[in-house]
Amino acid sequence: MSQTYHEEVSPVVYRTQAGLQVFINLNVLRLVKDSASVNWNTKPGQIPPNQHLEEVSFEVDIDERKGD
């Protein structure tokens, strides 16, 4: 890609880290070492008690599927 676009492209590891860091800074992603340490609901459609989200005007799929 660097030759095609005549610019230096960061390796995928750095691009991935930068992207994940954006979500962490937005407080929508938290990385944990052990899934047993997760003490919040990770099922679809669940809103944490300290978040107050506005109702959306479009249809939202919150059905739980096998593997969720």
N, C-alpha and C. Protein backbone atom coordinates (compact mmCIF):
# COMPACT_ATOMS: atom_id res chain seq x y z
N MET A 1 0.82 -1.19 0.00
CA MET A 1 0.00 0.00 0.00
C MET A 1 0.86 1.25 0.00
N SER A 2 1.98 1.18 0.67
CA SER A 2 2.84 2.36 0.73
C SER A 2 3.26 2.81 -0.66
N GLN A 3 3.59 1.85 -1.53
CA GLN A 3 4.02 2.20 -2.89
C GLN A 3 2.84 2.66 -3.73
N THR A 4 1.69 2.02 -3.55
CA THR A 4 0.51 2.38 -4.34
C THR A 4 0.07 3.81 -4.06
N TYR A 5 0.01 4.18 -2.80
CA TYR A 5 -0.50 5.49 -2.42
C TYR A 5 0.61 6.51 -2.15
N HIS A 6 1.84 6.10 -2.31
CA HIS A 6 2.99 7.00 -2.13
C HIS A 6 2.98 7.66 -0.75
N GLU A 7 2.61 6.88 0.24
CA GLU A 7 2.67 7.35 1.61
C GLU A 7 2.96 6.15 2.51
N GLU A 8 3.49 6.41 3.66
CA GLU A 8 3.82 5.33 4.57
C GLU A 8 2.57 4.92 5.35
N VAL A 9 2.29 3.63 5.36
CA VAL A 9 1.13 3.11 6.07
C VAL A 9 1.62 2.37 7.30
N SER A 10 1.05 2.69 8.44
CA SER A 10 1.44 2.03 9.69
C SER A 10 1.09 0.55 9.63
N PRO A 11 1.89 -0.29 10.27
CA PRO A 11 1.57 -1.72 10.33
C PRO A 11 0.21 -1.96 10.99
N VAL A 12 -0.42 -3.06 10.62
CA VAL A 12 -1.78 -3.36 11.08
C VAL A 12 -1.87 -3.39 12.61
N VAL A 13 -0.84 -3.83 13.28
CA VAL A 13 -0.87 -3.88 14.74
C VAL A 13 -1.07 -2.49 15.32
N TYR A 14 -0.38 -1.50 14.78
CA TYR A 14 -0.51 -0.14 15.29
C TYR A 14 -1.86 0.48 14.91
N ARG A 15 -2.35 0.18 13.72
CA ARG A 15 -3.66 0.70 13.31
C ARG A 15 -4.76 0.10 14.18
N THR A 16 -4.65 -1.19 14.47
CA THR A 16 -5.64 -1.86 15.32
C THR A 16 -5.61 -1.27 16.72
N GLN A 17 -4.42 -1.10 17.27
CA GLN A 17 -4.29 -0.54 18.61
C GLN A 17 -4.90 0.87 18.66
N ALA A 18 -4.64 1.66 17.65
CA ALA A 18 -5.17 3.03 17.62
C ALA A 18 -6.69 3.01 17.56
N GLY A 19 -7.25 2.12 16.75
CA GLY A 19 -8.71 2.02 16.64
C GLY A 19 -9.35 1.59 17.94
N LEU A 20 -8.77 0.59 18.59
CA LEU A 20 -9.30 0.13 19.88
C LEU A 20 -9.18 1.22 20.94
N GLN A 21 -8.10 1.97 20.91
CA GLN A 21 -7.90 3.03 21.89
C GLN A 21 -8.97 4.11 21.76
N VAL A 22 -9.42 4.38 20.54
CA VAL A 22 -10.50 5.35 20.33
C VAL A 22 -11.75 4.89 21.06
N PHE A 23 -12.11 3.60 20.91
CA PHE A 23 -13.31 3.08 21.57
C PHE A 23 -13.16 3.06 23.08
N ILE A 24 -11.96 2.77 23.57
CA ILE A 24 -11.71 2.80 25.02
C ILE A 24 -11.89 4.23 25.53
N ASN A 25 -11.36 5.20 24.81
CA ASN A 25 -11.49 6.61 25.22
C ASN A 25 -12.93 7.09 25.18
N LEU A 26 -13.74 6.52 24.30
CA LEU A 26 -15.16 6.87 24.23
C LEU A 26 -15.98 6.14 25.29
N ASN A 27 -15.32 5.28 26.05
CA ASN A 27 -15.95 4.50 27.11
C ASN A 27 -17.00 3.52 26.58
N VAL A 28 -16.77 3.00 25.37
CA VAL A 28 -17.66 1.98 24.82
C VAL A 28 -16.95 0.63 24.71
N LEU A 29 -15.71 0.56 25.14
CA LEU A 29 -14.94 -0.69 25.09
C LEU A 29 -14.06 -0.77 26.32
N ARG A 30 -14.05 -1.94 26.90
CA ARG A 30 -13.14 -2.22 28.02
C ARG A 30 -12.51 -3.58 27.77
N LEU A 31 -11.20 -3.66 27.85
CA LEU A 31 -10.50 -4.92 27.67
C LEU A 31 -10.25 -5.54 29.03
N VAL A 32 -10.57 -6.83 29.16
CA VAL A 32 -10.36 -7.55 30.42
C VAL A 32 -9.48 -8.76 30.16
N LYS A 33 -8.69 -9.13 31.15
CA LYS A 33 -7.80 -10.29 31.01
C LYS A 33 -8.55 -11.60 31.16
N ASP A 34 -9.61 -11.60 31.97
CA ASP A 34 -10.35 -12.83 32.26
C ASP A 34 -11.84 -12.54 32.15
N SER A 35 -12.55 -13.31 31.32
CA SER A 35 -13.98 -13.06 31.13
C SER A 35 -14.77 -13.28 32.42
N ALA A 36 -14.23 -14.03 33.37
CA ALA A 36 -14.91 -14.24 34.65
C ALA A 36 -14.96 -12.94 35.46
N SER A 37 -14.10 -11.99 35.15
CA SER A 37 -14.08 -10.72 35.88
C SER A 37 -15.14 -9.74 35.37
N VAL A 38 -15.87 -10.10 34.32
CA VAL A 38 -16.91 -9.23 33.78
C VAL A 38 -18.13 -9.32 34.70
N ASN A 39 -18.47 -8.22 35.33
CA ASN A 39 -19.59 -8.22 36.27
C ASN A 39 -20.75 -7.36 35.78
N TRP A 40 -20.86 -7.21 34.47
CA TRP A 40 -21.97 -6.46 33.90
C TRP A 40 -22.64 -7.32 32.83
N ASN A 41 -23.87 -6.99 32.52
CA ASN A 41 -24.65 -7.76 31.56
C ASN A 41 -24.15 -7.48 30.14
N THR A 42 -23.85 -8.52 29.40
CA THR A 42 -23.37 -8.36 28.03
C THR A 42 -24.39 -8.84 27.01
N LYS A 43 -25.62 -9.06 27.45
CA LYS A 43 -26.68 -9.51 26.54
C LYS A 43 -27.16 -8.33 25.69
N PRO A 44 -27.70 -8.63 24.49
CA PRO A 44 -28.19 -7.55 23.62
C PRO A 44 -29.35 -6.79 24.26
N GLY A 45 -29.40 -5.51 24.01
CA GLY A 45 -30.52 -4.69 24.45
C GLY A 45 -30.47 -4.25 25.89
N GLN A 46 -29.42 -4.58 26.62
CA GLN A 46 -29.31 -4.19 28.02
C GLN A 46 -28.56 -2.87 28.14
N ILE A 47 -29.12 -1.95 28.86
CA ILE A 47 -28.50 -0.65 29.05
C ILE A 47 -27.98 -0.57 30.48
N PRO A 48 -26.72 -0.24 30.67
CA PRO A 48 -26.19 -0.12 32.02
C PRO A 48 -26.99 0.91 32.82
N PRO A 49 -27.15 0.67 34.13
CA PRO A 49 -27.99 1.56 34.95
C PRO A 49 -27.51 3.01 34.99
N ASN A 50 -26.23 3.25 34.76
CA ASN A 50 -25.73 4.63 34.82
C ASN A 50 -25.78 5.33 33.47
N GLN A 51 -26.31 4.67 32.44
CA GLN A 51 -26.43 5.30 31.12
C GLN A 51 -27.90 5.60 30.84
N HIS A 52 -28.15 6.76 30.29
CA HIS A 52 -29.51 7.16 29.95
C HIS A 52 -29.54 7.47 28.45
N LEU A 53 -30.01 6.51 27.68
CA LEU A 53 -30.01 6.65 26.23
C LEU A 53 -31.38 7.11 25.74
N GLU A 54 -31.38 7.90 24.70
CA GLU A 54 -32.63 8.34 24.10
C GLU A 54 -33.24 7.21 23.29
N GLU A 55 -34.56 7.21 23.18
CA GLU A 55 -35.24 6.24 22.34
C GLU A 55 -34.85 6.48 20.89
N VAL A 56 -34.67 5.40 20.13
CA VAL A 56 -34.33 5.54 18.71
C VAL A 56 -35.60 5.45 17.88
N SER A 57 -35.59 6.09 16.73
CA SER A 57 -36.78 6.15 15.89
C SER A 57 -36.81 5.05 14.84
N PHE A 58 -35.87 4.10 14.91
CA PHE A 58 -35.83 3.02 13.94
C PHE A 58 -35.89 1.68 14.67
N GLU A 59 -36.21 0.63 13.93
CA GLU A 59 -36.35 -0.69 14.53
C GLU A 59 -34.98 -1.22 14.97
N VAL A 60 -34.93 -1.74 16.18
CA VAL A 60 -33.68 -2.25 16.74
C VAL A 60 -33.85 -3.74 17.04
N ASP A 61 -32.89 -4.53 16.60
CA ASP A 61 -32.93 -5.97 16.84
C ASP A 61 -32.22 -6.27 18.16
N ILE A 62 -32.99 -6.68 19.17
CA ILE A 62 -32.39 -7.00 20.46
C ILE A 62 -32.65 -8.46 20.85
N ASP A 63 -33.05 -9.27 19.88
CA ASP A 63 -33.29 -10.68 20.17
C ASP A 63 -31.98 -11.39 20.49
N GLU A 64 -32.03 -12.21 21.54
CA GLU A 64 -30.85 -12.97 21.93
C GLU A 64 -30.73 -14.21 21.06
N ARG A 65 -29.54 -14.47 20.55
CA ARG A 65 -29.29 -15.63 19.70
C ARG A 65 -28.30 -16.55 20.38
N LYS A 66 -28.30 -17.79 19.96
CA LYS A 66 -27.35 -18.75 20.50
C LYS A 66 -25.94 -18.22 20.25
N GLY A 67 -25.14 -18.18 21.28
CA GLY A 67 -23.78 -17.67 21.16
C GLY A 67 -23.63 -16.25 21.64
N ASP A 68 -24.74 -15.53 21.82
CA ASP A 68 -24.66 -14.14 22.32
C ASP A 68 -24.29 -14.16 23.78
